[in-house]
Amino acid sequence: MKTIRLRSVTALLPVSLLFVASTSAQPTMAFVPTTSVIGTSTISEKAIRPVLQDGSAISHLDNAVAALTKGDKSATTQELKTGIAGLEAEAQAKPTSFKDKVLAQASKLKALLPLIPTGALGSGALGKAVSLAKLAAGGNQLEGILAAGSLLGKGSQLTSGLSSISGALSSLGGSTQSTGQSLVSTALATVGKLDQGGLVAKAAEPAAKTQISSVLNFVKGAL
């Protein structure tokens, strides 16, 4: 009986060792690729993408004004910094004759950052500074589209740039607002036809170029 029991244990021992070896090896094989994917490309893409997306800088600037209105100084500072970085990145990536104006407005926004923690910066003052930055960014966007050549099929892009300028003008008030809004409204009515295709789009293109150029000249003067 003793001999039989000994042989049974001996026969089971290799199987047990094989099971332990296989289970202990599995976590190592699964762990290495998972860590490398999360630790490299995924994080870097998320870190870069918001700054490079068109319009993201403007969104952060608007968020900064909204946060300051609510009295959230920390959020104001963070959103303003992100918006400034976005303005600078877009100006460098897509430079036009507005590049220096965009960078100048970004520098003016930077100068406001130290005032936020002290409470010396009001939402009205920040809102006006942001509006000027949005004017410069909108001008840079529109001029970039004009410089690329044909406007056919680019109605939505032009509408976005014109709408950004319109929103900025509404914060400035006075004759600047009324004159600028009139020019923008005229251009918006025309660029909407550029996505219709055919003869309608072709007929609208020359007028759209002229009207957008008038908007850009006005914006340069306002800055």
Protein backbone atom coordinates (compact mmCIF):
# COMPACT_ATOMS: atom_id res chain seq x y z
CA MET A 1 0.00 0.00 0.00
CA LYS A 2 2.80 2.39 0.85
CA THR A 3 4.48 1.69 -2.47
CA ILE A 4 1.29 2.42 -4.42
CA ARG A 5 0.71 5.77 -2.64
CA LEU A 6 4.30 6.87 -3.25
CA ARG A 7 4.03 6.12 -6.94
CA SER A 8 0.77 8.15 -7.16
CA VAL A 9 2.32 11.25 -5.60
CA THR A 10 5.38 10.90 -7.77
CA ALA A 11 3.24 10.68 -10.89
CA LEU A 12 1.23 13.82 -9.98
CA LEU A 13 4.28 15.95 -9.15
CA PRO A 14 5.33 16.85 -12.75
CA VAL A 15 1.76 17.84 -13.61
CA SER A 16 1.58 20.20 -10.60
CA LEU A 17 4.90 21.79 -11.48
CA LEU A 18 3.78 22.31 -15.07
CA PHE A 19 0.56 24.03 -13.90
CA VAL A 20 2.44 26.41 -11.55
CA ALA A 21 4.98 27.29 -14.23
CA SER A 22 2.32 28.07 -16.83
CA THR A 23 0.17 30.23 -14.53
CA SER A 24 3.11 32.23 -13.23
CA ALA A 25 4.28 33.01 -16.77
CA GLN A 26 0.97 34.32 -18.11
CA PRO A 27 0.78 37.69 -16.26
CA THR A 28 4.23 38.68 -17.53
CA MET A 29 3.27 38.09 -21.16
CA ALA A 30 0.05 40.11 -20.87
CA PHE A 31 1.46 42.93 -18.78
CA VAL A 32 4.31 44.20 -20.95
CA PRO A 33 2.46 45.25 -24.15
CA THR A 34 -0.45 46.75 -22.21
CA THR A 35 1.84 49.02 -20.23
CA SER A 36 3.83 50.14 -23.27
CA VAL A 37 0.73 51.13 -25.27
CA ILE A 38 -0.81 53.16 -22.46
CA GLY A 39 2.44 54.75 -21.46
CA THR A 40 3.46 56.02 -24.89
CA SER A 41 1.22 56.82 -27.85
CA THR A 42 -2.13 57.09 -26.07
CA ILE A 43 -1.06 59.73 -23.55
CA SER A 44 1.03 61.76 -25.98
CA GLU A 45 -1.81 62.00 -28.52
CA LYS A 46 -4.23 63.26 -25.86
CA ALA A 47 -1.69 65.81 -24.66
CA ILE A 48 -1.06 67.26 -28.13
CA ARG A 49 -4.41 67.05 -29.88
CA PRO A 50 -6.34 69.81 -28.00
CA VAL A 51 -3.73 72.45 -28.79
CA LEU A 52 -3.62 71.70 -32.50
CA GLN A 53 -7.31 71.43 -33.24
CA ASP A 54 -8.83 74.42 -35.03
CA GLY A 55 -10.99 76.51 -32.73
CA SER A 56 -9.84 74.80 -29.54
CA ALA A 57 -7.87 77.87 -28.45
CA ILE A 58 -10.96 80.06 -28.76
CA SER A 59 -13.01 77.62 -26.70
CA HIS A 60 -10.47 77.72 -23.87
CA LEU A 61 -10.39 81.53 -23.94
CA ASP A 62 -14.18 81.65 -23.69
CA ASN A 63 -14.01 79.14 -20.84
CA ALA A 64 -11.56 81.41 -19.04
CA VAL A 65 -13.97 84.35 -19.18
CA ALA A 66 -16.85 82.17 -17.99
CA ALA A 67 -14.74 80.81 -15.10
CA LEU A 68 -13.71 84.30 -13.97
CA THR A 69 -17.34 85.41 -14.05
CA LYS A 70 -18.09 82.58 -11.62
CA GLY A 71 -15.14 83.54 -9.43
CA ASP A 72 -13.14 80.39 -10.13
CA LYS A 73 -9.61 81.80 -10.30
CA SER A 74 -7.89 78.44 -10.65
CA ALA A 75 -9.98 77.40 -13.64
CA THR A 76 -9.56 80.86 -15.16
CA THR A 77 -5.79 80.60 -14.99
CA GLN A 78 -5.69 77.09 -16.42
CA GLU A 79 -8.09 77.80 -19.28
CA LEU A 80 -6.34 81.04 -20.16
CA LYS A 81 -2.92 79.35 -20.24
CA THR A 82 -4.25 76.59 -22.48
CA GLY A 83 -5.94 79.11 -24.76
CA ILE A 84 -2.77 81.18 -25.07
CA ALA A 85 -0.72 78.10 -25.93
CA GLY A 86 -3.30 77.21 -28.57
CA LEU A 87 -3.18 80.68 -30.13
CA GLU A 88 0.59 80.55 -30.38
CA ALA A 89 0.59 77.03 -31.82
CA GLU A 90 -2.01 77.87 -34.48
CA ALA A 91 -0.18 81.07 -35.46
CA GLN A 92 3.08 79.14 -35.90
CA ALA A 93 1.46 76.19 -37.71
CA LYS A 94 -0.61 78.31 -40.12
CA PRO A 95 1.16 81.68 -40.44
CA THR A 96 -0.36 84.55 -42.43
CA SER A 97 0.02 88.31 -42.28
CA PHE A 98 -1.98 88.05 -39.03
CA LYS A 99 0.68 85.94 -37.32
CA ASP A 100 2.32 88.86 -35.50
CA LYS A 101 -1.07 90.21 -34.47
CA VAL A 102 -2.11 86.84 -33.02
CA LEU A 103 1.17 86.54 -31.10
CA ALA A 104 0.84 90.12 -29.86
CA GLN A 105 -2.63 89.42 -28.46
CA ALA A 106 -1.33 86.20 -26.87
CA SER A 107 1.39 88.25 -25.13
CA LYS A 108 -1.21 90.70 -23.83
CA LEU A 109 -3.22 87.82 -22.40
CA LYS A 110 -0.09 86.46 -20.71
CA ALA A 111 0.37 89.80 -18.99
CA LEU A 112 -3.06 89.36 -17.36
CA LEU A 113 -2.22 86.01 -15.75
CA PRO A 114 -0.56 87.47 -12.60
CA LEU A 115 -3.66 89.60 -11.98
CA ILE A 116 -6.02 86.64 -11.68
CA PRO A 117 -4.96 85.25 -8.25
CA THR A 118 -5.00 88.73 -6.72
CA GLY A 119 -8.53 89.48 -7.91
CA ALA A 120 -7.34 92.58 -9.76
CA LEU A 121 -8.64 91.31 -13.11
CA GLY A 122 -12.36 91.67 -13.80
CA SER A 123 -14.31 89.52 -16.22
CA GLY A 124 -15.10 92.58 -18.35
CA ALA A 125 -11.43 93.43 -18.89
CA LEU A 126 -10.58 89.81 -19.63
CA GLY A 127 -13.55 89.53 -21.99
CA LYS A 128 -12.38 92.49 -24.05
CA ALA A 129 -8.81 91.14 -24.23
CA VAL A 130 -10.14 87.76 -25.32
CA SER A 131 -12.32 89.40 -27.99
CA LEU A 132 -9.29 91.09 -29.53
CA ALA A 133 -7.45 87.76 -29.52
CA LYS A 134 -10.43 86.14 -31.22
CA LEU A 135 -10.43 88.86 -33.88
CA ALA A 136 -6.78 88.18 -34.64
CA ALA A 137 -7.28 84.39 -34.67
CA GLY A 138 -10.33 84.67 -36.92
CA GLY A 139 -8.40 86.89 -39.31
CA ASN A 140 -5.55 84.40 -39.40
CA GLN A 141 -7.97 81.57 -40.15
CA LEU A 142 -9.77 83.41 -42.96
CA GLU A 143 -6.60 84.66 -44.62
CA GLY A 144 -5.18 81.15 -44.53
CA ILE A 145 -8.22 79.84 -46.41
CA LEU A 146 -7.99 82.64 -48.99
CA ALA A 147 -4.30 81.98 -49.57
CA ALA A 148 -4.98 78.29 -50.25
CA GLY A 149 -6.71 79.14 -53.54
CA SER A 150 -10.22 78.20 -54.60
CA LEU A 151 -13.03 78.81 -52.10
CA LEU A 152 -15.39 76.31 -53.69
CA GLY A 153 -16.63 73.82 -51.10
CA LYS A 154 -15.14 75.83 -48.23
CA GLY A 155 -18.28 77.64 -47.18
CA SER A 156 -18.48 75.97 -43.77
CA GLN A 157 -14.85 76.80 -42.96
CA LEU A 158 -15.33 80.42 -43.94
CA THR A 159 -18.57 80.59 -41.97
CA SER A 160 -16.72 79.37 -38.88
CA GLY A 161 -14.06 82.07 -39.20
CA LEU A 162 -16.58 84.82 -39.88
CA SER A 163 -18.76 83.70 -36.96
CA SER A 164 -15.76 83.86 -34.64
CA ILE A 165 -15.07 87.42 -35.75
CA SER A 166 -18.74 88.32 -35.35
CA GLY A 167 -18.75 87.03 -31.78
CA ALA A 168 -15.65 89.03 -30.96
CA LEU A 169 -17.11 92.21 -32.43
CA SER A 170 -20.22 91.90 -30.30
CA SER A 171 -18.05 92.33 -27.20
CA LEU A 172 -16.33 95.48 -28.45
CA GLY A 173 -19.42 97.61 -29.04
CA GLY A 174 -19.63 101.07 -30.57
CA SER A 175 -18.99 101.90 -34.21
CA THR A 176 -16.43 99.11 -34.43
CA GLN A 177 -19.14 96.58 -33.75
CA SER A 178 -21.76 98.03 -36.10
CA THR A 179 -19.39 98.51 -39.05
CA GLY A 180 -17.73 95.15 -38.61
CA GLN A 181 -21.00 93.27 -38.20
CA SER A 182 -22.33 94.78 -41.41
CA LEU A 183 -19.28 93.55 -43.35
CA VAL A 184 -19.45 90.11 -41.75
CA SER A 185 -23.17 89.72 -42.43
CA THR A 186 -22.68 90.52 -46.11
CA ALA A 187 -19.85 87.99 -46.38
CA LEU A 188 -21.81 85.29 -44.54
CA ALA A 189 -24.69 85.56 -47.00
CA THR A 190 -22.29 84.95 -49.87
CA VAL A 191 -20.03 82.20 -48.50
CA GLY A 192 -23.07 80.06 -47.76
CA LYS A 193 -23.45 79.58 -51.51
CA LEU A 194 -19.95 78.14 -51.94
CA ASP A 195 -21.04 74.72 -50.74
CA GLN A 196 -24.02 74.51 -53.12
CA GLY A 197 -21.87 73.47 -56.05
CA GLY A 198 -22.31 74.15 -59.75
CA LEU A 199 -22.85 77.57 -61.25
CA VAL A 200 -24.19 79.02 -57.99
CA ALA A 201 -20.91 78.36 -56.16
CA LYS A 202 -18.75 79.56 -59.06
CA ALA A 203 -20.73 82.77 -59.37
CA ALA A 204 -20.43 83.45 -55.63
CA GLU A 205 -16.68 82.88 -55.35
CA PRO A 206 -15.41 86.25 -56.71
CA ALA A 207 -17.80 88.20 -54.49
CA ALA A 208 -16.88 86.07 -51.49
CA LYS A 209 -13.18 86.80 -51.97
CA THR A 210 -13.84 90.54 -52.20
CA GLN A 211 -16.12 90.60 -49.16
CA ILE A 212 -13.80 88.50 -46.99
CA SER A 213 -10.88 90.73 -47.96
CA SER A 214 -12.92 93.72 -46.75
CA VAL A 215 -13.55 91.97 -43.44
CA LEU A 216 -9.84 91.22 -43.05
CA ASN A 217 -8.84 94.81 -43.75
CA PHE A 218 -11.35 96.00 -41.18
CA VAL A 219 -10.06 93.54 -38.57
CA LYS A 220 -6.47 94.66 -39.12
CA GLY A 221 -7.55 98.24 -38.53
CA ALA A 222 -9.45 97.29 -35.38
CA LEU A 223 -6.41 95.54 -33.94
